[in-house]
Amino acid sequence: MERVPTDVTRASIRDGDDAGCPTARGGAGQSNSVEPALPAAHGPLSIAVRRTLTGSASRNQLARISASVRDSDPYGLDLQLALFMCYELHYRGFAGVDATWEWNPALLHLRAELEHAFLAGVRRDVGHIGPDDTSTIEMDALSVEPIDGTGPSHYLRDTGSWQQMREYFAHRSLYHLKEGDPHAWAIPRLTGAAKAAFVAIEFDEYGAGEGSRLHQQLFADLLAAADLDSTYLGYIDAVPAESLTVVNLMSLFGLHRWLRGAAIGHFAATEITSPPGSRRMVEALQRMNAPSACIAFYSEHVEADAVHEQVVRHDVIGDLVAREPNLDRDVVFGMRAHAVVENRLAGTIMASWERGETSLRPARLGAGAT
């Protein structure tokens, strides 16, 4: 199997093969910088956004950024990178980038065009949602695990290598190092019991008041234990478009009030599917004799998310749909959209591994590790 490029990971497997895990050695260093570096561009759209962000925000309210979204692949690396950069301004921003770009009309106009193309692609792949497709039925279906399941967690549990596991960590780092944040946009959009229950779940995601138990921190600890770069967005120049798409979908739903139903549906799908997937990851990591910090992250999700599933099902979605029944189909859409982007990522990873190749892009100068 082709190994992960050594400049993509902070350090390669010490003995040069896939046999062992760094159970007793320290992980890679972590940058203390809050704001990440701008990623490398990969086409005209991401070039336009990146070039724009390196300058001062225009005060001309009628200015436009020259970039054509027409005919762009909604799931392509160029569009997804451009959209990711636009969204990241609402999270930590970028080092050296004028913070006022966050609400600049010209950039928001371009972002809206990117979002329109992306959302149209997702809607096409989700397909028709009928009047009898309710959120309750959808959650019941998600709760049933297929007997002959496939995908990265199954593969890693049964036959995957430690090197492939480290690749998987790199893919997931873009989300888990900001875990909880994309869904938190939904909080002010909820009321009553739904809001209270949602915040209770997020409280757990944020470590129940303990910084060391913050799920984002637990994943940073996992990366360090696996001898990988635990820097925020450290692998943005290494992961494929499908990894960006997973995070962009959450941001798209969270940043638009009119998509609040989809945001809650996506949140529900995440909580319902997390425990069985995390359990397989624990079994995979135990088989590989992985560092305890790696096992701890997924063990936390087996336990916590099993409880969260019941809360989100009855207290969040139950109350939301009772108050706003017109949102029920949007909730279903959010669940199915979650499956669309997750399946695309799983397919990309598995296709690469089945060919005996890395599932990551070649590292670019300035990405992640220094």
Protein backbone atom coordinates (compact mmCIF):
# COMPACT_ATOMS: atom_id res chain seq x y z
CA MET A 1 0.00 0.00 0.00
CA GLU A 2 1.23 3.49 -0.81
CA ARG A 3 2.13 5.35 2.36
CA VAL A 4 0.84 8.74 3.38
CA PRO A 5 3.33 11.37 2.14
CA THR A 6 5.60 12.24 5.02
CA ASP A 7 4.97 15.95 4.58
CA VAL A 8 1.24 15.34 4.94
CA THR A 9 1.58 13.70 8.35
CA ARG A 10 3.70 15.21 11.08
CA ALA A 11 5.78 12.07 11.18
CA SER A 12 5.77 8.79 9.32
CA ILE A 13 5.40 5.38 10.99
CA ARG A 14 8.62 5.08 12.93
CA ASP A 15 9.64 1.64 11.68
CA GLY A 16 8.66 2.39 8.08
CA ASP A 17 5.75 -0.04 7.80
CA ASP A 18 2.11 -0.34 8.84
CA ALA A 19 2.56 -2.94 11.55
CA GLY A 20 2.77 -0.96 14.76
CA CYS A 21 1.23 1.99 16.60
CA PRO A 22 3.09 4.63 18.61
CA THR A 23 1.59 3.45 21.90
CA ALA A 24 4.39 4.75 24.06
CA ARG A 25 5.81 7.73 22.25
CA GLY A 26 4.81 11.35 22.24
CA GLY A 27 2.81 12.92 19.48
CA ALA A 28 3.58 15.81 17.18
CA GLY A 29 3.71 19.38 18.36
CA GLN A 30 0.71 21.66 18.15
CA SER A 31 0.63 25.23 16.96
CA ASN A 32 -0.69 27.77 19.45
CA SER A 33 -2.02 30.00 16.66
CA VAL A 34 -5.78 30.55 16.83
CA GLU A 35 -6.10 31.66 13.21
CA PRO A 36 -5.04 29.12 10.55
CA ALA A 37 -3.15 29.95 7.38
CA LEU A 38 -5.06 30.37 4.13
CA PRO A 39 -5.16 27.10 2.17
CA ALA A 40 -3.67 26.76 -1.28
CA ALA A 41 -6.10 27.42 -4.14
CA HIS A 42 -7.09 24.78 -6.67
CA GLY A 43 -8.83 26.50 -9.57
CA PRO A 44 -10.37 29.82 -10.63
CA LEU A 45 -12.98 30.06 -7.87
CA SER A 46 -10.65 29.31 -4.97
CA ILE A 47 -7.96 31.48 -6.57
CA ALA A 48 -10.43 34.40 -6.72
CA VAL A 49 -11.46 33.97 -3.08
CA ARG A 50 -7.91 33.51 -1.84
CA ARG A 51 -6.64 36.52 -3.79
CA THR A 52 -9.54 38.59 -2.48
CA LEU A 53 -8.83 37.67 1.14
CA THR A 54 -5.20 38.70 0.89
CA GLY A 55 -6.26 42.30 0.27
CA SER A 56 -8.14 44.86 2.32
CA ALA A 57 -11.91 44.57 2.41
CA SER A 58 -13.53 46.97 -0.03
CA ARG A 59 -15.87 49.66 1.29
CA ASN A 60 -17.60 49.86 -2.05
CA GLN A 61 -20.99 48.26 -1.38
CA LEU A 62 -21.58 47.72 -5.10
CA ALA A 63 -18.26 45.97 -5.80
CA ARG A 64 -18.30 42.43 -7.18
CA ILE A 65 -15.65 39.71 -7.18
CA SER A 66 -14.92 38.45 -10.67
CA ALA A 67 -15.50 34.68 -10.62
CA SER A 68 -17.93 32.57 -12.62
CA VAL A 69 -19.63 29.71 -10.77
CA ARG A 70 -21.49 28.60 -13.87
CA ASP A 71 -20.60 25.05 -15.02
CA SER A 72 -18.48 24.45 -11.89
CA ASP A 73 -18.72 21.00 -10.29
CA PRO A 74 -20.73 21.57 -7.07
CA TYR A 75 -18.69 18.85 -5.37
CA GLY A 76 -15.38 19.78 -6.99
CA LEU A 77 -12.29 20.76 -5.04
CA ASP A 78 -12.23 24.28 -6.49
CA LEU A 79 -15.78 25.21 -5.45
CA GLN A 80 -15.55 23.44 -2.10
CA LEU A 81 -12.28 25.17 -1.21
CA ALA A 82 -13.71 28.55 -2.18
CA LEU A 83 -16.80 27.94 -0.07
CA PHE A 84 -14.76 26.62 2.86
CA MET A 85 -12.67 29.79 2.91
CA CYS A 86 -15.80 31.93 2.89
CA TYR A 87 -17.31 29.96 5.76
CA GLU A 88 -14.13 29.88 7.84
CA LEU A 89 -14.37 33.65 8.24
CA HIS A 90 -17.33 32.93 10.56
CA TYR A 91 -15.26 30.55 12.69
CA ARG A 92 -11.62 31.44 13.36
CA GLY A 93 -10.79 33.45 10.24
CA PHE A 94 -7.32 33.28 8.72
CA ALA A 95 -3.98 34.65 9.82
CA GLY A 96 -3.25 37.98 8.14
CA VAL A 97 -6.75 38.27 6.63
CA ASP A 98 -8.84 41.41 7.27
CA ALA A 99 -11.57 40.28 9.69
CA THR A 100 -14.11 42.64 8.09
CA TRP A 101 -14.28 40.34 5.06
CA GLU A 102 -16.70 38.24 7.11
CA TRP A 103 -19.67 40.45 6.24
CA ASN A 104 -18.38 42.09 3.08
CA PRO A 105 -21.23 42.35 0.52
CA ALA A 106 -19.04 41.43 -2.46
CA LEU A 107 -17.78 38.24 -0.83
CA LEU A 108 -21.25 37.36 0.46
CA HIS A 109 -22.59 37.76 -3.08
CA LEU A 110 -20.04 35.28 -4.41
CA ARG A 111 -20.64 32.95 -1.47
CA ALA A 112 -24.36 32.94 -2.27
CA GLU A 113 -23.61 31.80 -5.81
CA LEU A 114 -21.34 29.03 -4.51
CA GLU A 115 -24.03 27.96 -2.04
CA HIS A 116 -26.70 27.91 -4.73
CA ALA A 117 -24.64 25.55 -6.87
CA PHE A 118 -23.73 23.33 -3.92
CA LEU A 119 -27.25 23.12 -2.55
CA ALA A 120 -28.65 22.34 -6.00
CA GLY A 121 -26.25 19.41 -6.29
CA VAL A 122 -27.21 18.08 -2.87
CA ARG A 123 -30.93 18.44 -3.58
CA ARG A 124 -30.48 16.56 -6.85
CA ASP A 125 -28.74 13.68 -5.08
CA VAL A 126 -31.17 13.56 -2.15
CA GLY A 127 -34.05 13.27 -4.59
CA HIS A 128 -37.77 13.56 -4.00
CA ILE A 129 -39.09 13.62 -0.44
CA GLY A 130 -42.68 12.45 -0.40
CA PRO A 131 -45.50 13.55 1.92
CA ASP A 132 -45.26 10.26 3.83
CA ASP A 133 -41.52 10.63 4.46
CA THR A 134 -41.57 11.90 8.02
CA SER A 135 -38.72 12.63 10.39
CA THR A 136 -39.89 9.85 12.72
CA ILE A 137 -39.76 7.24 9.95
CA GLU A 138 -36.40 8.56 8.81
CA MET A 139 -34.90 8.33 12.31
CA ASP A 140 -36.26 4.80 12.71
CA ALA A 141 -34.51 3.81 9.48
CA LEU A 142 -31.24 5.42 10.56
CA SER A 143 -31.34 3.49 13.82
CA VAL A 144 -31.16 0.14 12.01
CA GLU A 145 -27.61 -0.96 11.20
CA PRO A 146 -27.22 -3.04 8.01
CA ILE A 147 -25.92 -6.56 8.64
CA ASP A 148 -23.45 -6.41 5.75
CA GLY A 149 -22.29 -2.83 6.26
CA THR A 150 -19.39 -1.41 4.30
CA GLY A 151 -17.27 1.72 4.51
CA PRO A 152 -14.12 2.92 6.26
CA SER A 153 -15.12 2.02 9.84
CA HIS A 154 -16.00 -1.55 8.83
CA TYR A 155 -12.82 -1.88 6.79
CA LEU A 156 -10.59 -0.44 9.51
CA ARG A 157 -12.16 -2.74 12.11
CA ASP A 158 -11.60 -5.86 10.03
CA THR A 159 -8.48 -5.47 7.89
CA GLY A 160 -7.31 -1.87 7.73
CA SER A 161 -3.77 -0.81 8.61
CA TRP A 162 -2.55 1.74 11.13
CA GLN A 163 -1.40 3.94 8.28
CA GLN A 164 -4.90 3.92 6.80
CA MET A 165 -6.28 4.74 10.22
CA ARG A 166 -4.01 7.79 10.38
CA GLU A 167 -5.26 8.85 6.96
CA TYR A 168 -8.81 8.59 8.24
CA PHE A 169 -7.91 10.81 11.18
CA ALA A 170 -6.57 13.42 8.74
CA HIS A 171 -9.85 13.38 6.78
CA ARG A 172 -11.92 13.82 9.91
CA SER A 173 -9.71 16.49 11.48
CA LEU A 174 -11.39 19.32 9.57
CA TYR A 175 -14.64 18.61 11.41
CA HIS A 176 -13.58 17.16 14.75
CA LEU A 177 -11.25 20.07 15.54
CA LYS A 178 -14.34 22.29 15.32
CA GLU A 179 -16.82 19.68 16.54
CA GLY A 180 -20.01 21.22 17.86
CA ASP A 181 -19.38 24.62 16.28
CA PRO A 182 -21.21 24.19 12.94
CA HIS A 183 -24.32 22.81 14.63
CA ALA A 184 -24.25 25.52 17.31
CA TRP A 185 -25.51 28.07 14.75
CA ALA A 186 -28.92 26.42 15.18
CA ILE A 187 -29.26 27.40 18.84
CA PRO A 188 -30.74 30.91 18.35
CA ARG A 189 -33.10 29.48 15.72
CA LEU A 190 -34.79 27.18 18.25
CA THR A 191 -37.21 27.91 21.09
CA GLY A 192 -38.57 26.17 24.16
CA ALA A 193 -37.82 22.52 24.92
CA ALA A 194 -36.05 21.99 21.59
CA LYS A 195 -33.54 24.73 22.40
CA ALA A 196 -33.00 23.50 25.97
CA ALA A 197 -32.41 19.91 24.84
CA PHE A 198 -30.15 20.96 21.98
CA VAL A 199 -28.00 23.07 24.29
CA ALA A 200 -27.78 20.17 26.74
CA ILE A 201 -26.30 17.98 24.01
CA GLU A 202 -23.92 20.70 22.89
CA PHE A 203 -22.85 21.16 26.52
CA ASP A 204 -21.55 17.60 26.40
CA GLU A 205 -19.81 18.26 23.06
CA TYR A 206 -18.05 21.19 24.70
CA GLY A 207 -16.73 19.08 27.57
CA ALA A 208 -19.43 19.89 30.14
CA GLY A 209 -17.43 22.92 31.22
CA GLU A 210 -14.03 21.19 31.27
CA GLY A 211 -11.59 22.35 28.61
CA SER A 212 -9.69 19.06 28.68
CA ARG A 213 -12.93 17.16 27.89
CA LEU A 214 -13.91 19.38 24.96
CA HIS A 215 -14.45 16.99 22.07
CA GLN A 216 -12.32 19.23 19.87
CA GLN A 217 -9.50 18.86 22.41
CA LEU A 218 -9.99 15.10 22.66
CA PHE A 219 -9.48 14.86 18.90
CA ALA A 220 -6.40 17.08 19.09
CA ASP A 221 -5.10 14.66 21.72
CA LEU A 222 -5.90 11.77 19.37
CA LEU A 223 -3.92 13.39 16.54
CA ALA A 224 -0.94 14.05 18.77
CA ALA A 225 -0.99 10.47 20.07
CA ALA A 226 -1.07 9.20 16.47
CA ASP A 227 1.96 11.38 15.67
CA LEU A 228 -0.09 13.63 13.41
CA ASP A 229 -0.48 17.40 13.13
CA SER A 230 -3.05 18.56 15.70
CA THR A 231 -3.10 22.13 14.35
CA TYR A 232 -6.54 23.48 13.46
CA LEU A 233 -7.06 22.92 9.68
CA GLY A 234 -3.60 21.35 9.57
CA TYR A 235 -4.68 18.98 6.79
CA ILE A 236 -6.81 21.26 4.66
CA ASP A 237 -4.25 21.10 1.85
CA ALA A 238 -4.11 17.31 2.03
CA VAL A 239 -7.73 16.16 2.11
CA PRO A 240 -9.89 15.77 -1.02
CA ALA A 241 -13.01 17.77 -1.85
CA GLU A 242 -15.26 15.19 -0.19
CA SER A 243 -13.76 15.94 3.24
CA LEU A 244 -14.43 19.66 2.75
CA THR A 245 -17.98 18.94 1.59
CA VAL A 246 -18.85 17.21 4.86
CA VAL A 247 -18.01 20.37 6.84
CA ASN A 248 -19.37 22.82 4.27
CA LEU A 249 -22.80 21.19 4.40
CA MET A 250 -23.00 21.78 8.17
CA SER A 251 -21.97 25.41 7.75
CA LEU A 252 -24.45 25.94 4.92
CA PHE A 253 -27.34 24.64 7.01
CA GLY A 254 -26.24 26.40 10.20
CA LEU A 255 -25.66 29.86 8.74
CA HIS A 256 -29.13 30.14 7.16
CA ARG A 257 -32.21 30.38 9.34
CA TRP A 258 -34.42 29.15 6.51
CA LEU A 259 -32.43 25.90 6.57
CA ARG A 260 -32.82 25.37 10.33
CA GLY A 261 -34.89 22.26 9.81
CA ALA A 262 -32.14 20.76 7.66
CA ALA A 263 -29.56 21.75 10.28
CA ILE A 264 -31.47 19.85 12.97
CA GLY A 265 -31.96 16.88 10.66
CA HIS A 266 -28.24 16.77 9.96
CA PHE A 267 -27.54 17.02 13.69
CA ALA A 268 -29.90 14.13 14.37
CA ALA A 269 -28.30 11.96 11.71
CA THR A 270 -24.89 12.68 13.20
CA GLU A 271 -25.99 11.67 16.70
CA ILE A 272 -27.90 8.56 15.58
CA THR A 273 -25.15 7.14 13.36
CA SER A 274 -22.25 8.04 15.64
CA PRO A 275 -22.47 5.31 18.33
CA PRO A 276 -22.27 2.23 16.05
CA GLY A 277 -19.58 3.82 13.88
CA SER A 278 -17.60 4.87 16.93
CA ARG A 279 -17.92 1.37 18.39
CA ARG A 280 -16.37 -0.08 15.25
CA MET A 281 -13.56 2.47 15.48
CA VAL A 282 -12.88 1.45 19.09
CA GLU A 283 -12.69 -2.19 18.00
CA ALA A 284 -10.38 -1.26 15.12
CA LEU A 285 -8.08 0.76 17.37
CA GLN A 286 -7.98 -1.98 19.99
CA ARG A 287 -7.04 -4.49 17.29
CA MET A 288 -4.19 -2.20 16.24
CA ASN A 289 -3.05 -1.64 19.84
CA ALA A 290 -3.46 2.09 19.24
CA PRO A 291 -2.60 4.78 21.79
CA SER A 292 -5.15 5.20 24.57
CA ALA A 293 -5.95 8.79 23.53
CA CYS A 294 -7.16 7.51 20.15
CA ILE A 295 -9.43 4.93 21.75
CA ALA A 296 -10.68 7.43 24.32
CA PHE A 297 -12.05 9.81 21.69
CA TYR A 298 -14.26 7.19 20.06
CA SER A 299 -15.20 5.57 23.38
CA GLU A 300 -16.56 8.95 24.48
CA HIS A 301 -18.79 9.06 21.41
CA VAL A 302 -20.09 5.52 21.91
CA GLU A 303 -21.36 6.43 25.36
CA ALA A 304 -22.40 10.07 24.97
CA ASP A 305 -24.05 9.89 21.56
CA ALA A 306 -26.18 6.88 22.51
CA VAL A 307 -27.83 9.11 25.11
CA HIS A 308 -27.91 12.06 22.73
CA GLU A 309 -29.84 10.03 20.17
CA GLN A 310 -32.85 9.72 22.44
CA VAL A 311 -32.72 13.37 23.46
CA VAL A 312 -32.50 14.64 19.89
CA ARG A 313 -35.24 12.28 18.73
CA HIS A 314 -37.85 13.14 21.36
CA ASP A 315 -36.90 16.50 22.85
CA VAL A 316 -35.28 18.34 19.95
CA ILE A 317 -37.01 17.12 16.80
CA GLY A 318 -40.24 16.16 18.59
CA ASP A 319 -40.64 19.65 20.00
CA LEU A 320 -39.45 21.44 16.85
CA VAL A 321 -41.86 19.61 14.57
CA ALA A 322 -44.73 20.06 17.03
CA ARG A 323 -44.14 23.82 17.00
CA GLU A 324 -43.33 24.09 13.28
CA PRO A 325 -44.81 21.08 11.44
CA ASN A 326 -43.91 22.66 8.13
CA LEU A 327 -40.24 21.93 8.91
CA ASP A 328 -40.64 18.15 9.06
CA ARG A 329 -39.65 17.59 5.42
CA ASP A 330 -36.67 19.91 5.89
CA VAL A 331 -35.55 17.75 8.80
CA VAL A 332 -35.78 14.69 6.53
CA PHE A 333 -33.80 16.54 3.88
CA GLY A 334 -31.05 17.31 6.40
CA MET A 335 -30.78 13.64 7.37
CA ARG A 336 -30.59 12.48 3.77
CA ALA A 337 -28.14 15.22 2.83
CA HIS A 338 -25.91 13.99 5.66
CA ALA A 339 -25.95 10.55 4.05
CA VAL A 340 -25.15 11.97 0.61
CA VAL A 341 -21.95 13.73 1.64
CA GLU A 342 -20.84 11.02 4.08
CA ASN A 343 -21.30 8.34 1.43
CA ARG A 344 -19.32 10.37 -1.08
CA LEU A 345 -16.43 10.65 1.37
CA ALA A 346 -16.59 6.97 2.26
CA GLY A 347 -16.64 6.02 -1.41
CA THR A 348 -13.60 8.17 -2.18
CA ILE A 349 -11.60 6.74 0.73
CA MET A 350 -12.50 3.12 -0.02
CA ALA A 351 -11.84 3.43 -3.75
CA SER A 352 -8.31 4.67 -3.01
CA TRP A 353 -7.60 1.98 -0.44
CA GLU A 354 -8.91 -0.76 -2.70
CA ARG A 355 -6.44 0.43 -5.35
CA GLY A 356 -3.65 0.28 -2.76
CA GLU A 357 -3.25 4.07 -2.83
CA THR A 358 -3.40 6.87 -0.30
CA SER A 359 -6.78 8.60 0.00
CA LEU A 360 -5.12 11.98 0.60
CA ARG A 361 -3.95 14.56 -1.89
CA PRO A 362 -0.23 15.23 -2.24
CA ALA A 363 0.77 17.78 0.38
CA ARG A 364 1.16 21.35 -0.77
CA LEU A 365 3.73 23.84 0.42
CA GLY A 366 2.54 25.51 3.61
CA ALA A 367 0.03 22.82 4.53
CA GLY A 368 -0.26 21.57 8.08
CA ALA A 369 3.13 20.50 9.30
CA THR A 370 6.07 22.85 8.93
